[in-house]
Amino acid sequence: MIADRIVIPPDHRAYYSEKIVYLPDSYQANDSKRRASEGEATRVDVGLPPSAFVFASFNSVYKITPEVFAIWMRLLHHVDDSVLWVLADNEIAERNLRREAATHRIASERVIFAPRVAYPII
């Protein structure tokens, strides 16, 4: 397993059966030759309100626990003119998260889904 000392602190190694290989600075190796997207997208381009405060998480939706989602809904409740921007993995997850937002008395349109974006081909 590839990790860093933040993701898996050395004193947590005992909880893993896999051999852990620590990278020196980060567990996430990236390609420095990968280009960023060409051009800039505006808030309107990506479906965000022009002036809202944006809370964002682009983890896969299966990683969103009910406890974490409840915290996010409390944040939206306490921060006027704010939205939650999450990764759109699939229609079922979107529907479920919107429904769950409503159970927290948060308007479903305050949960905004970002589609996956392909990297430019080099």
PDB file of N, CA and C in Angstrom:
ATOM      1  N   MET A   1       0.852  -1.153   0.000  1.00  0.00           N
ATOM      2  CA  MET A   1       0.000   0.000   0.000  1.00  0.00           C
ATOM      3  C   MET A   1       0.905   1.226   0.000  1.00  0.00           C
ATOM      4  N   ILE A   2       0.595   2.165  -0.867  1.00  0.00           N
ATOM      5  CA  ILE A   2       1.356   3.409  -0.931  1.00  0.00           C
ATOM      6  C   ILE A   2       0.643   4.440  -0.071  1.00  0.00           C
ATOM      7  N   ALA A   3       1.396   5.078   0.799  1.00  0.00           N
ATOM      8  CA  ALA A   3       0.801   6.054   1.718  1.00  0.00           C
ATOM      9  C   ALA A   3       1.861   7.095   2.072  1.00  0.00           C
ATOM     10  N   ASP A   4       1.446   8.025   2.915  1.00  0.00           N
ATOM     11  CA  ASP A   4       2.406   8.925   3.546  1.00  0.00           C
ATOM     12  C   ASP A   4       2.156   8.862   5.040  1.00  0.00           C
ATOM     13  N   ARG A   5       2.947   9.572   5.802  1.00  0.00           N
ATOM     14  CA  ARG A   5       2.844   9.470   7.258  1.00  0.00           C
ATOM     15  C   ARG A   5       1.637  10.215   7.832  1.00  0.00           C
ATOM     16  N   ILE A   6       0.947  10.968   6.988  1.00  0.00           N
ATOM     17  CA  ILE A   6      -0.295  11.617   7.414  1.00  0.00           C
ATOM     18  C   ILE A   6      -1.470  10.661   7.206  1.00  0.00           C
ATOM     19  N   VAL A   7      -1.518  10.058   6.013  1.00  0.00           N
ATOM     20  CA  VAL A   7      -2.615   9.145   5.687  1.00  0.00           C
ATOM     21  C   VAL A   7      -2.593   7.933   6.622  1.00  0.00           C
ATOM     22  N   ILE A   8      -1.405   7.349   6.821  1.00  0.00           N
ATOM     23  CA  ILE A   8      -1.258   6.221   7.743  1.00  0.00           C
ATOM     24  C   ILE A   8      -0.094   6.533   8.679  1.00  0.00           C
ATOM     25  N   PRO A   9      -0.383   7.050   9.853  1.00  0.00           N
ATOM     26  CA  PRO A   9       0.695   7.323  10.807  1.00  0.00           C
ATOM     27  C   PRO A   9       1.427   6.015  11.148  1.00  0.00           C
ATOM     28  N   PRO A  10       2.730   6.086  11.352  1.00  0.00           N
ATOM     29  CA  PRO A  10       3.492   4.872  11.655  1.00  0.00           C
ATOM     30  C   PRO A  10       2.893   4.035  12.796  1.00  0.00           C
ATOM     31  N   ASP A  11       2.318   4.692  13.805  1.00  0.00           N
ATOM     32  CA  ASP A  11       1.750   3.913  14.909  1.00  0.00           C
ATOM     33  C   ASP A  11       0.428   3.232  14.547  1.00  0.00           C
ATOM     34  N   HIS A  12      -0.052   3.435  13.321  1.00  0.00           N
ATOM     35  CA  HIS A  12      -1.272   2.751  12.847  1.00  0.00           C
ATOM     36  C   HIS A  12      -0.952   1.577  11.931  1.00  0.00           C
ATOM     37  N   ARG A  13       0.324   1.352  11.659  1.00  0.00           N
ATOM     38  CA  ARG A  13       0.725   0.259  10.755  1.00  0.00           C
ATOM     39  C   ARG A  13       0.171  -1.079  11.212  1.00  0.00           C
ATOM     40  N   ALA A  14       0.050  -1.274  12.490  1.00  0.00           N
ATOM     41  CA  ALA A  14      -0.418  -2.553  13.033  1.00  0.00           C
ATOM     42  C   ALA A  14      -1.833  -2.905  12.565  1.00  0.00           C
ATOM     43  N   TYR A  15      -2.587  -1.909  12.120  1.00  0.00           N
ATOM     44  CA  TYR A  15      -3.959  -2.141  11.691  1.00  0.00           C
ATOM     45  C   TYR A  15      -4.063  -2.570  10.226  1.00  0.00           C
ATOM     46  N   TYR A  16      -2.934  -2.701   9.550  1.00  0.00           N
ATOM     47  CA  TYR A  16      -2.901  -3.046   8.132  1.00  0.00           C
ATOM     48  C   TYR A  16      -2.165  -4.360   7.926  1.00  0.00           C
ATOM     49  N   SER A  17      -2.742  -5.234   7.120  1.00  0.00           N
ATOM     50  CA  SER A  17      -2.044  -6.469   6.777  1.00  0.00           C
ATOM     51  C   SER A  17      -1.108  -6.260   5.597  1.00  0.00           C
ATOM     52  N   GLU A  18      -1.358  -5.222   4.795  1.00  0.00           N
ATOM     53  CA  GLU A  18      -0.525  -4.936   3.634  1.00  0.00           C
ATOM     54  C   GLU A  18       0.812  -4.348   4.067  1.00  0.00           C
ATOM     55  N   LYS A  19       1.815  -4.542   3.230  1.00  0.00           N
ATOM     56  CA  LYS A  19       3.092  -3.849   3.441  1.00  0.00           C
ATOM     57  C   LYS A  19       2.870  -2.391   3.035  1.00  0.00           C
ATOM     58  N   ILE A  20       3.281  -1.457   3.862  1.00  0.00           N
ATOM     59  CA  ILE A  20       3.079  -0.035   3.583  1.00  0.00           C
ATOM     60  C   ILE A  20       4.393   0.553   3.092  1.00  0.00           C
ATOM     61  N   VAL A  21       4.322   1.206   1.943  1.00  0.00           N
ATOM     62  CA  VAL A  21       5.468   1.911   1.390  1.00  0.00           C
ATOM     63  C   VAL A  21       5.163   3.400   1.542  1.00  0.00           C
ATOM     64  N   TYR A  22       5.994   4.084   2.329  1.00  0.00           N
ATOM     65  CA  TYR A  22       5.780   5.503   2.553  1.00  0.00           C
ATOM     66  C   TYR A  22       6.487   6.319   1.481  1.00  0.00           C
ATOM     67  N   LEU A  23       5.752   7.217   0.838  1.00  0.00           N
ATOM     68  CA  LEU A  23       6.366   8.202  -0.047  1.00  0.00           C
ATOM     69  C   LEU A  23       6.831   9.360   0.830  1.00  0.00           C
ATOM     70  N   PRO A  24       7.917  10.038   0.448  1.00  0.00           N
ATOM     71  CA  PRO A  24       8.499  11.041   1.344  1.00  0.00           C
ATOM     72  C   PRO A  24       7.642  12.290   1.555  1.00  0.00           C
ATOM     73  N   ASP A  25       6.916  12.731   0.539  1.00  0.00           N
ATOM     74  CA  ASP A  25       6.199  13.997   0.667  1.00  0.00           C
ATOM     75  C   ASP A  25       4.692  13.870   0.534  1.00  0.00           C
ATOM     76  N   SER A  26       4.230  12.870  -0.195  1.00  0.00           N
ATOM     77  CA  SER A  26       2.803  12.716  -0.443  1.00  0.00           C
ATOM     78  C   SER A  26       2.518  11.302  -0.898  1.00  0.00           C
ATOM     79  N   TYR A  27       1.347  10.795  -0.564  1.00  0.00           N
ATOM     80  CA  TYR A  27       0.960   9.463  -1.008  1.00  0.00           C
ATOM     81  C   TYR A  27       0.476   9.476  -2.456  1.00  0.00           C
ATOM     82  N   GLN A  28       0.180  10.648  -2.977  1.00  0.00           N
ATOM     83  CA  GLN A  28      -0.421  10.754  -4.297  1.00  0.00           C
ATOM     84  C   GLN A  28       0.625  11.178  -5.317  1.00  0.00           C
ATOM     85  N   ALA A  29       0.995  10.229  -6.154  1.00  0.00           N
ATOM     86  CA  ALA A  29       1.963  10.544  -7.202  1.00  0.00           C
ATOM     87  C   ALA A  29       1.221  11.177  -8.377  1.00  0.00           C
ATOM     88  N   ASN A  30       1.749  12.277  -8.876  1.00  0.00           N
ATOM     89  CA  ASN A  30       1.138  12.964 -10.006  1.00  0.00           C
ATOM     90  C   ASN A  30       2.141  13.100 -11.137  1.00  0.00           C
ATOM     91  N   ASP A  31       1.617  13.236 -12.324  1.00  0.00           N
ATOM     92  CA  ASP A  31       2.451  13.401 -13.511  1.00  0.00           C
ATOM     93  C   ASP A  31       2.661  14.896 -13.740  1.00  0.00           C
ATOM     94  N   SER A  32       3.873  15.373 -13.584  1.00  0.00           N
ATOM     95  CA  SER A  32       4.141  16.800 -13.739  1.00  0.00           C
ATOM     96  C   SER A  32       4.022  17.251 -15.194  1.00  0.00           C
ATOM     97  N   LYS A  33       3.930  16.302 -16.133  1.00  0.00           N
ATOM     98  CA  LYS A  33       3.790  16.654 -17.543  1.00  0.00           C
ATOM     99  C   LYS A  33       2.322  16.767 -17.964  1.00  0.00           C
ATOM    100  N   ARG A  34       1.422  16.375 -17.082  1.00  0.00           N
ATOM    101  CA  ARG A  34      -0.007  16.452 -17.401  1.00  0.00           C
ATOM    102  C   ARG A  34      -0.423  17.914 -17.454  1.00  0.00           C
ATOM    103  N   ARG A  35      -1.052  18.294 -18.545  1.00  0.00           N
ATOM    104  CA  ARG A  35      -1.461  19.693 -18.706  1.00  0.00           C
ATOM    105  C   ARG A  35      -2.769  19.956 -17.974  1.00  0.00           C
ATOM    106  N   ALA A  36      -2.890  21.158 -17.509  1.00  0.00           N
ATOM    107  CA  ALA A  36      -4.147  21.603 -16.924  1.00  0.00           C
ATOM    108  C   ALA A  36      -5.111  21.919 -18.057  1.00  0.00           C
ATOM    109  N   SER A  37      -6.346  22.073 -17.717  1.00  0.00           N
ATOM    110  CA  SER A  37      -7.355  22.416 -18.714  1.00  0.00           C
ATOM    111  C   SER A  37      -7.017  23.728 -19.396  1.00  0.00           C
ATOM    112  N   GLU A  38      -7.342  23.795 -20.656  1.00  0.00           N
ATOM    113  CA  GLU A  38      -7.124  25.039 -21.396  1.00  0.00           C
ATOM    114  C   GLU A  38      -8.321  25.952 -21.164  1.00  0.00           C
ATOM    115  N   GLY A  39      -8.070  27.206 -20.947  1.00  0.00           N
ATOM    116  CA  GLY A  39      -9.163  28.155 -20.730  1.00  0.00           C
ATOM    117  C   GLY A  39      -9.626  28.146 -19.285  1.00  0.00           C
ATOM    118  N   GLU A  40     -10.421  29.121 -18.963  1.00  0.00           N
ATOM    119  CA  GLU A  40     -10.947  29.250 -17.609  1.00  0.00           C
ATOM    120  C   GLU A  40     -12.457  29.114 -17.646  1.00  0.00           C
ATOM    121  N   ALA A  41     -12.990  28.464 -16.633  1.00  0.00           N
ATOM    122  CA  ALA A  41     -14.437  28.330 -16.512  1.00  0.00           C
ATOM    123  C   ALA A  41     -14.922  29.321 -15.456  1.00  0.00           C
ATOM    124  N   THR A  42     -16.032  29.953 -15.728  1.00  0.00           N
ATOM    125  CA  THR A  42     -16.628  30.861 -14.750  1.00  0.00           C
ATOM    126  C   THR A  42     -17.547  30.061 -13.839  1.00  0.00           C
ATOM    127  N   ARG A  43     -17.982  30.683 -12.776  1.00  0.00           N
ATOM    128  CA  ARG A  43     -18.947  30.028 -11.892  1.00  0.00           C
ATOM    129  C   ARG A  43     -20.195  29.616 -12.667  1.00  0.00           C
ATOM    130  N   VAL A  44     -20.663  30.500 -13.516  1.00  0.00           N
ATOM    131  CA  VAL A  44     -21.862  30.203 -14.312  1.00  0.00           C
ATOM    132  C   VAL A  44     -21.607  28.997 -15.217  1.00  0.00           C
ATOM    133  N   ASP A  45     -20.408  28.914 -15.803  1.00  0.00           N
ATOM    134  CA  ASP A  45     -20.065  27.789 -16.675  1.00  0.00           C
ATOM    135  C   ASP A  45     -20.204  26.447 -15.968  1.00  0.00           C
ATOM    136  N   VAL A  46     -19.897  26.407 -14.676  1.00  0.00           N
ATOM    137  CA  VAL A  46     -19.937  25.141 -13.939  1.00  0.00           C
ATOM    138  C   VAL A  46     -21.183  24.999 -13.069  1.00  0.00           C
ATOM    139  N   GLY A  47     -22.144  25.914 -13.233  1.00  0.00           N
ATOM    140  CA  GLY A  47     -23.418  25.791 -12.531  1.00  0.00           C
ATOM    141  C   GLY A  47     -23.442  26.321 -11.115  1.00  0.00           C
ATOM    142  N   LEU A  48     -22.469  27.155 -10.773  1.00  0.00           N
ATOM    143  CA  LEU A  48     -22.431  27.726  -9.425  1.00  0.00           C
ATOM    144  C   LEU A  48     -23.041  29.115  -9.415  1.00  0.00           C
ATOM    145  N   PRO A  49     -23.694  29.477  -8.307  1.00  0.00           N
ATOM    146  CA  PRO A  49     -24.214  30.842  -8.196  1.00  0.00           C
ATOM    147  C   PRO A  49     -23.062  31.845  -8.215  1.00  0.00           C
ATOM    148  N   PRO A  50     -23.296  33.032  -8.777  1.00  0.00           N
ATOM    149  CA  PRO A  50     -22.211  33.999  -8.941  1.00  0.00           C
ATOM    150  C   PRO A  50     -21.576  34.491  -7.644  1.00  0.00           C
ATOM    151  N   SER A  51     -22.337  34.547  -6.554  1.00  0.00           N
ATOM    152  CA  SER A  51     -21.760  35.135  -5.344  1.00  0.00           C
ATOM    153  C   SER A  51     -21.803  34.226  -4.125  1.00  0.00           C
ATOM    154  N   ALA A  52     -22.275  33.013  -4.243  1.00  0.00           N
ATOM    155  CA  ALA A  52     -22.409  32.123  -3.083  1.00  0.00           C
ATOM    156  C   ALA A  52     -21.048  31.670  -2.574  1.00  0.00           C
ATOM    157  N   PHE A  53     -21.006  31.406  -1.270  1.00  0.00           N
ATOM    158  CA  PHE A  53     -19.828  30.745  -0.713  1.00  0.00           C
ATOM    159  C   PHE A  53     -19.941  29.275  -1.089  1.00  0.00           C
ATOM    160  N   VAL A  54     -18.853  28.674  -1.573  1.00  0.00           N
ATOM    161  CA  VAL A  54     -18.904  27.308  -2.067  1.00  0.00           C
ATOM    162  C   VAL A  54     -18.095  26.387  -1.155  1.00  0.00           C
ATOM    163  N   PHE A  55     -18.798  25.426  -0.537  1.00  0.00           N
ATOM    164  CA  PHE A  55     -18.138  24.321   0.147  1.00  0.00           C
ATOM    165  C   PHE A  55     -17.994  23.236  -0.912  1.00  0.00           C
ATOM    166  N   ALA A  56     -16.857  22.574  -0.991  1.00  0.00           N
ATOM    167  CA  ALA A  56     -16.664  21.601  -2.060  1.00  0.00           C
ATOM    168  C   ALA A  56     -15.971  20.347  -1.566  1.00  0.00           C
ATOM    169  N   SER A  57     -16.368  19.231  -2.170  1.00  0.00           N
ATOM    170  CA  SER A  57     -15.692  17.953  -1.955  1.00  0.00           C
ATOM    171  C   SER A  57     -15.787  17.182  -3.254  1.00  0.00           C
ATOM    172  N   PHE A  58     -14.643  16.800  -3.798  1.00  0.00           N
ATOM    173  CA  PHE A  58     -14.645  16.058  -5.056  1.00  0.00           C
ATOM    174  C   PHE A  58     -14.224  14.610  -4.867  1.00  0.00           C
ATOM    175  N   ASN A  59     -14.425  14.097  -3.659  1.00  0.00           N
ATOM    176  CA  ASN A  59     -14.249  12.664  -3.441  1.00  0.00           C
ATOM    177  C   ASN A  59     -15.376  11.923  -4.135  1.00  0.00           C
ATOM    178  N   SER A  60     -15.170  10.659  -4.408  1.00  0.00           N
ATOM    179  CA  SER A  60     -16.264   9.836  -4.926  1.00  0.00           C
ATOM    180  C   SER A  60     -17.378   9.830  -3.891  1.00  0.00           C
ATOM    181  N   VAL A  61     -18.617   9.861  -4.365  1.00  0.00           N
ATOM    182  CA  VAL A  61     -19.739  10.009  -3.432  1.00  0.00           C
ATOM    183  C   VAL A  61     -19.872   8.846  -2.463  1.00  0.00           C
ATOM    184  N   TYR A  62     -19.372   7.658  -2.814  1.00  0.00           N
ATOM    185  CA  TYR A  62     -19.480   6.539  -1.878  1.00  0.00           C
ATOM    186  C   TYR A  62     -18.685   6.792  -0.603  1.00  0.00           C
ATOM    187  N   LYS A  63     -17.795   7.774  -0.620  1.00  0.00           N
ATOM    188  CA  LYS A  63     -17.004   8.107   0.564  1.00  0.00           C
ATOM    189  C   LYS A  63     -17.727   9.068   1.507  1.00  0.00           C
ATOM    190  N   ILE A  64     -18.864   9.602   1.086  1.00  0.00           N
ATOM    191  CA  ILE A  64     -19.608  10.549   1.913  1.00  0.00           C
ATOM    192  C   ILE A  64     -20.455   9.765   2.905  1.00  0.00           C
ATOM    193  N   THR A  65     -20.104   9.865   4.161  1.00  0.00           N
ATOM    194  CA  THR A  65     -20.859   9.154   5.199  1.00  0.00           C
ATOM    195  C   THR A  65     -22.049  10.014   5.642  1.00  0.00           C
ATOM    196  N   PRO A  66     -23.066   9.387   6.221  1.00  0.00           N
ATOM    197  CA  PRO A  66     -24.195  10.185   6.734  1.00  0.00           C
ATOM    198  C   PRO A  66     -23.755  11.239   7.744  1.00  0.00           C
ATOM    199  N   GLU A  67     -22.756  10.919   8.557  1.00  0.00           N
ATOM    200  CA  GLU A  67     -22.292  11.871   9.568  1.00  0.00           C
ATOM    201  C   GLU A  67     -21.649  13.090   8.911  1.00  0.00           C
ATOM    202  N   VAL A  68     -20.828  12.854   7.910  1.00  0.00           N
ATOM    203  CA  VAL A  68     -20.173  13.959   7.211  1.00  0.00           C
ATOM    204  C   VAL A  68     -21.209  14.804   6.473  1.00  0.00           C
ATOM    205  N   PHE A  69     -22.147  14.149   5.806  1.00  0.00           N
ATOM    206  CA  PHE A  69     -23.171  14.887   5.079  1.00  0.00           C
ATOM    207  C   PHE A  69     -24.000  15.737   6.039  1.00  0.00           C
ATOM    208  N   ALA A  70     -24.290  15.224   7.222  1.00  0.00           N
ATOM    209  CA  ALA A  70     -25.048  15.995   8.224  1.00  0.00           C
ATOM    210  C   ALA A  70     -24.269  17.245   8.644  1.00  0.00           C
ATOM    211  N   ILE A  71     -22.952  17.119   8.791  1.00  0.00           N
ATOM    212  CA  ILE A  71     -22.124  18.281   9.124  1.00  0.00           C
ATOM    213  C   ILE A  71     -22.207  19.309   8.000  1.00  0.00           C
ATOM    214  N   TRP A  72     -22.105  18.847   6.760  1.00  0.00           N
ATOM    215  CA  TRP A  72     -22.192  19.765   5.628  1.00  0.00           C
ATOM    216  C   TRP A  72     -23.537  20.473   5.602  1.00  0.00           C
ATOM    217  N   MET A  73     -24.602  19.760   5.922  1.00  0.00           N
ATOM    218  CA  MET A  73     -25.930  20.378   5.915  1.00  0.00           C
ATOM    219  C   MET A  73     -26.042  21.412   7.025  1.00  0.00           C
ATOM    220  N   ARG A  74     -25.424  21.149   8.180  1.00  0.00           N
ATOM    221  CA  ARG A  74     -25.412  22.164   9.247  1.00  0.00           C
ATOM    222  C   ARG A  74     -24.647  23.400   8.801  1.00  0.00           C
ATOM    223  N   LEU A  75     -23.541  23.199   8.083  1.00  0.00           N
ATOM    224  CA  LEU A  75     -22.794  24.348   7.556  1.00  0.00           C
ATOM    225  C   LEU A  75     -23.675  25.175   6.618  1.00  0.00           C
ATOM    226  N   LEU A  76     -24.371  24.504   5.703  1.00  0.00           N
ATOM    227  CA  LEU A  76     -25.243  25.234   4.771  1.00  0.00           C
ATOM    228  C   LEU A  76     -26.344  25.971   5.524  1.00  0.00           C
ATOM    229  N   HIS A  77     -26.842  25.342   6.574  1.00  0.00           N
ATOM    230  CA  HIS A  77     -27.899  25.977   7.367  1.00  0.00           C
ATOM    231  C   HIS A  77     -27.393  27.263   8.036  1.00  0.00           C
ATOM    232  N   HIS A  78     -26.135  27.245   8.482  1.00  0.00           N
ATOM    233  CA  HIS A  78     -25.590  28.393   9.218  1.00  0.00           C
ATOM    234  C   HIS A  78     -24.907  29.434   8.340  1.00  0.00           C
ATOM    235  N   VAL A  79     -24.593  29.085   7.104  1.00  0.00           N
ATOM    236  CA  VAL A  79     -23.914  30.034   6.217  1.00  0.00           C
ATOM    237  C   VAL A  79     -24.879  30.413   5.093  1.00  0.00           C
ATOM    238  N   ASP A  80     -25.482  31.578   5.240  1.00  0.00           N
ATOM    239  CA  ASP A  80     -26.407  32.061   4.217  1.00  0.00           C
ATOM    240  C   ASP A  80     -25.693  32.174   2.879  1.00  0.00           C
ATOM    241  N   ASP A  81     -26.439  32.005   1.825  1.00  0.00           N
ATOM    242  CA  ASP A  81     -25.912  32.134   0.464  1.00  0.00           C
ATOM    243  C   ASP A  81     -24.688  31.241   0.256  1.00  0.00           C
ATOM    244  N   SER A  82     -24.836  29.975   0.655  1.00  0.00           N
ATOM    245  CA  SER A  82     -23.761  29.009   0.446  1.00  0.00           C
ATOM    246  C   SER A  82     -24.331  27.780  -0.250  1.00  0.00           C
ATOM    247  N   VAL A  83     -23.440  27.045  -0.921  1.00  0.00           N
ATOM    248  CA  VAL A  83     -23.823  25.812  -1.611  1.00  0.00           C
ATOM    249  C   VAL A  83     -22.761  24.754  -1.336  1.00  0.00           C
ATOM    250  N   LEU A  84     -23.136  23.518  -1.572  1.00  0.00           N
ATOM    251  CA  LEU A  84     -22.212  22.399  -1.500  1.00  0.00           C
ATOM    252  C   LEU A  84     -22.005  21.889  -2.917  1.00  0.00           C
ATOM    253  N   TRP A  85     -20.744  21.819  -3.334  1.00  0.00           N
ATOM    254  CA  TRP A  85     -20.384  21.387  -4.686  1.00  0.00           C
ATOM    255  C   TRP A  85     -19.687  20.044  -4.567  1.00  0.00           C
ATOM    256  N   VAL A  86     -20.307  19.000  -5.089  1.00  0.00           N
ATOM    257  CA  VAL A  86     -19.755  17.652  -4.983  1.00  0.00           C
ATOM    258  C   VAL A  86     -19.650  17.015  -6.365  1.00  0.00           C
ATOM    259  N   LEU A  87     -18.862  15.978  -6.426  1.00  0.00           N
ATOM    260  CA  LEU A  87     -18.650  15.264  -7.676  1.00  0.00           C
ATOM    261  C   LEU A  87     -19.895  14.464  -8.042  1.00  0.00           C
ATOM    262  N   ALA A  88     -20.301  14.549  -9.291  1.00  0.00           N
ATOM    263  CA  ALA A  88     -21.456  13.789  -9.781  1.00  0.00           C
ATOM    264  C   ALA A  88     -20.966  12.425 -10.242  1.00  0.00           C
ATOM    265  N   ASP A  89     -21.228  11.406  -9.438  1.00  0.00           N
ATOM    266  CA  ASP A  89     -20.815  10.051  -9.817  1.00  0.00           C
ATOM    267  C   ASP A  89     -21.894   9.327 -10.598  1.00  0.00           C
ATOM    268  N   ASN A  90     -23.126   9.493 -10.167  1.00  0.00           N
ATOM    269  CA  ASN A  90     -24.227   8.818 -10.856  1.00  0.00           C
ATOM    270  C   ASN A  90     -25.554   9.428 -10.429  1.00  0.00           C
ATOM    271  N   GLU A  91     -26.569   9.194 -11.243  1.00  0.00           N
ATOM    272  CA  GLU A  91     -27.882   9.810 -10.999  1.00  0.00           C
ATOM    273  C   GLU A  91     -28.514   9.343  -9.695  1.00  0.00           C
ATOM    274  N   ILE A  92     -28.311   8.095  -9.338  1.00  0.00           N
ATOM    275  CA  ILE A  92     -28.908   7.579  -8.096  1.00  0.00           C
ATOM    276  C   ILE A  92     -28.312   8.301  -6.896  1.00  0.00           C
ATOM    277  N   ALA A  93     -26.997   8.454  -6.880  1.00  0.00           N
ATOM    278  CA  ALA A  93     -26.353   9.154  -5.771  1.00  0.00           C
ATOM    279  C   ALA A  93     -26.815  10.605  -5.706  1.00  0.00           C
ATOM    280  N   GLU A  94     -26.924  11.255  -6.866  1.00  0.00           N
ATOM    281  CA  GLU A  94     -27.392  12.647  -6.891  1.00  0.00           C
ATOM    282  C   GLU A  94     -28.794  12.747  -6.300  1.00  0.00           C
ATOM    283  N   ARG A  95     -29.661  11.857  -6.741  1.00  0.00           N
ATOM    284  CA  ARG A  95     -31.044  11.862  -6.246  1.00  0.00           C
ATOM    285  C   ARG A  95     -31.064  11.629  -4.734  1.00  0.00           C
ATOM    286  N   ASN A  96     -30.262  10.681  -4.255  1.00  0.00           N
ATOM    287  CA  ASN A  96     -30.237  10.375  -2.824  1.00  0.00           C
ATOM    288  C   ASN A  96     -29.684  11.541  -2.006  1.00  0.00           C
ATOM    289  N   LEU A  97     -28.635  12.194  -2.500  1.00  0.00           N
ATOM    290  CA  LEU A  97     -28.070  13.322  -1.755  1.00  0.00           C
ATOM    291  C   LEU A  97     -29.024  14.517  -1.734  1.00  0.00           C
ATOM    292  N   ARG A  98     -29.708  14.746  -2.832  1.00  0.00           N
ATOM    293  CA  ARG A  98     -30.706  15.829  -2.843  1.00  0.00           C
ATOM    294  C   ARG A  98     -31.841  15.530  -1.866  1.00  0.00           C
ATOM    295  N   ARG A  99     -32.281  14.277  -1.867  1.00  0.00           N
ATOM    296  CA  ARG A  99     -33.357  13.883  -0.938  1.00  0.00           C
ATOM    297  C   ARG A  99     -32.881  14.035   0.504  1.00  0.00           C
ATOM    298  N   GLU A 100     -31.660  13.616   0.769  1.00  0.00           N
ATOM    299  CA  GLU A 100     -31.116  13.724   2.124  1.00  0.00           C
ATOM    300  C   GLU A 100     -30.970  15.185   2.545  1.00  0.00           C
ATOM    301  N   ALA A 101     -30.587  16.052   1.617  1.00  0.00           N
ATOM    302  CA  ALA A 101     -30.503  17.486   1.925  1.00  0.00           C
ATOM    303  C   ALA A 101     -31.869  18.000   2.370  1.00  0.00           C
ATOM    304  N   ALA A 102     -32.900  17.581   1.668  1.00  0.00           N
ATOM    305  CA  ALA A 102     -34.258  18.022   2.016  1.00  0.00           C
ATOM    306  C   ALA A 102     -34.644  17.555   3.421  1.00  0.00           C
ATOM    307  N   THR A 103     -34.184  16.363   3.834  1.00  0.00           N
ATOM    308  CA  THR A 103     -34.508  15.902   5.190  1.00  0.00           C
ATOM    309  C   THR A 103     -33.816  16.760   6.251  1.00  0.00           C
ATOM    310  N   HIS A 104     -32.759  17.460   5.837  1.00  0.00           N
ATOM    311  CA  HIS A 104     -32.066  18.393   6.737  1.00  0.00           C
ATOM    312  C   HIS A 104     -32.584  19.825   6.566  1.00  0.00           C
ATOM    313  N   ARG A 105     -33.680  19.963   5.840  1.00  0.00           N
ATOM    314  CA  ARG A 105     -34.314  21.259   5.572  1.00  0.00           C
ATOM    315  C   ARG A 105     -33.397  22.198   4.778  1.00  0.00           C
ATOM    316  N   ILE A 106     -32.638  21.620   3.850  1.00  0.00           N
ATOM    317  CA  ILE A 106     -31.781  22.383   2.942  1.00  0.00           C
ATOM    318  C   ILE A 106     -32.348  22.200   1.541  1.00  0.00           C
ATOM    319  N   ALA A 107     -32.590  23.304   0.845  1.00  0.00           N
ATOM    320  CA  ALA A 107     -33.125  23.224  -0.517  1.00  0.00           C
ATOM    321  C   ALA A 107     -32.187  22.392  -1.385  1.00  0.00           C
ATOM    322  N   SER A 108     -32.748  21.462  -2.109  1.00  0.00           N
ATOM    323  CA  SER A 108     -31.926  20.523  -2.887  1.00  0.00           C
ATOM    324  C   SER A 108     -31.051  21.225  -3.928  1.00  0.00           C
ATOM    325  N   GLU A 109     -31.481  22.397  -4.395  1.00  0.00           N
ATOM    326  CA  GLU A 109     -30.663  23.112  -5.392  1.00  0.00           C
ATOM    327  C   GLU A 109     -29.389  23.707  -4.790  1.00  0.00           C
ATOM    328  N   ARG A 110     -29.252  23.652  -3.467  1.00  0.00           N
ATOM    329  CA  ARG A 110     -28.014  24.114  -2.834  1.00  0.00           C
ATOM    330  C   ARG A 110     -26.928  23.042  -2.850  1.00  0.00           C
ATOM    331  N   VAL A 111     -27.291  21.843  -3.311  1.00  0.00           N
ATOM    332  CA  VAL A 111     -26.298  20.791  -3.533  1.00  0.00           C
ATOM    333  C   VAL A 111     -26.097  20.726  -5.043  1.00  0.00           C
ATOM    334  N   ILE A 112     -24.913  21.100  -5.480  1.00  0.00           N
ATOM    335  CA  ILE A 112     -24.614  21.221  -6.911  1.00  0.00           C
ATOM    336  C   ILE A 112     -23.603  20.145  -7.289  1.00  0.00           C
ATOM    337  N   PHE A 113     -23.849  19.508  -8.415  1.00  0.00           N
ATOM    338  CA  PHE A 113     -23.009  18.391  -8.839  1.00  0.00           C
ATOM    339  C   PHE A 113     -22.103  18.787  -9.992  1.00  0.00           C
ATOM    340  N   ALA A 114     -20.819  18.476  -9.822  1.00  0.00           N
ATOM    341  CA  ALA A 114     -19.809  18.758 -10.840  1.00  0.00           C
ATOM    342  C   ALA A 114     -19.559  17.482 -11.633  1.00  0.00           C
ATOM    343  N   PRO A 115     -19.681  17.552 -12.941  1.00  0.00           N
ATOM    344  CA  PRO A 115     -19.387  16.352 -13.733  1.00  0.00           C
ATOM    345  C   PRO A 115     -17.888  16.075 -13.732  1.00  0.00           C
ATOM    346  N   ARG A 116     -17.544  14.816 -13.941  1.00  0.00           N
ATOM    347  CA  ARG A 116     -16.117  14.485 -14.114  1.00  0.00           C
ATOM    348  C   ARG A 116     -15.631  15.156 -15.400  1.00  0.00           C
ATOM    349  N   VAL A 117     -14.393  15.608 -15.354  1.00  0.00           N
ATOM    350  CA  VAL A 117     -13.818  16.301 -16.506  1.00  0.00           C
ATOM    351  C   VAL A 117     -12.584  15.509 -16.949  1.00  0.00           C
ATOM    352  N   ALA A 118     -12.503  15.255 -18.238  1.00  0.00           N
ATOM    353  CA  ALA A 118     -11.364  14.518 -18.761  1.00  0.00           C
ATOM    354  C   ALA A 118     -10.125  15.420 -18.810  1.00  0.00           C
ATOM    355  N   TYR A 119      -8.976  14.808 -18.621  1.00  0.00           N
ATOM    356  CA  TYR A 119      -7.728  15.548 -18.774  1.00  0.00           C
ATOM    357  C   TYR A 119      -7.462  15.761 -20.251  1.00  0.00           C
ATOM    358  N   PRO A 120      -6.866  16.889 -20.613  1.00  0.00           N
ATOM    359  CA  PRO A 120      -6.521  17.108 -22.026  1.00  0.00           C
ATOM    360  C   PRO A 120      -5.527  16.046 -22.493  1.00  0.00           C
ATOM    361  N   ILE A 121      -5.685  15.622 -23.722  1.00  0.00           N
ATOM    362  CA  ILE A 121      -4.767  14.649 -24.306  1.00  0.00           C
ATOM    363  C   ILE A 121      -3.514  15.395 -24.771  1.00  0.00           C
ATOM    364  N   ILE A 122      -2.375  14.850 -24.418  1.00  0.00           N
ATOM    365  CA  ILE A 122      -1.088  15.490 -24.764  1.00  0.00           C
ATOM    366  C   ILE A 122      -0.745  15.175 -26.203  1.00  0.00           C
TER     367      ILE A 122
END
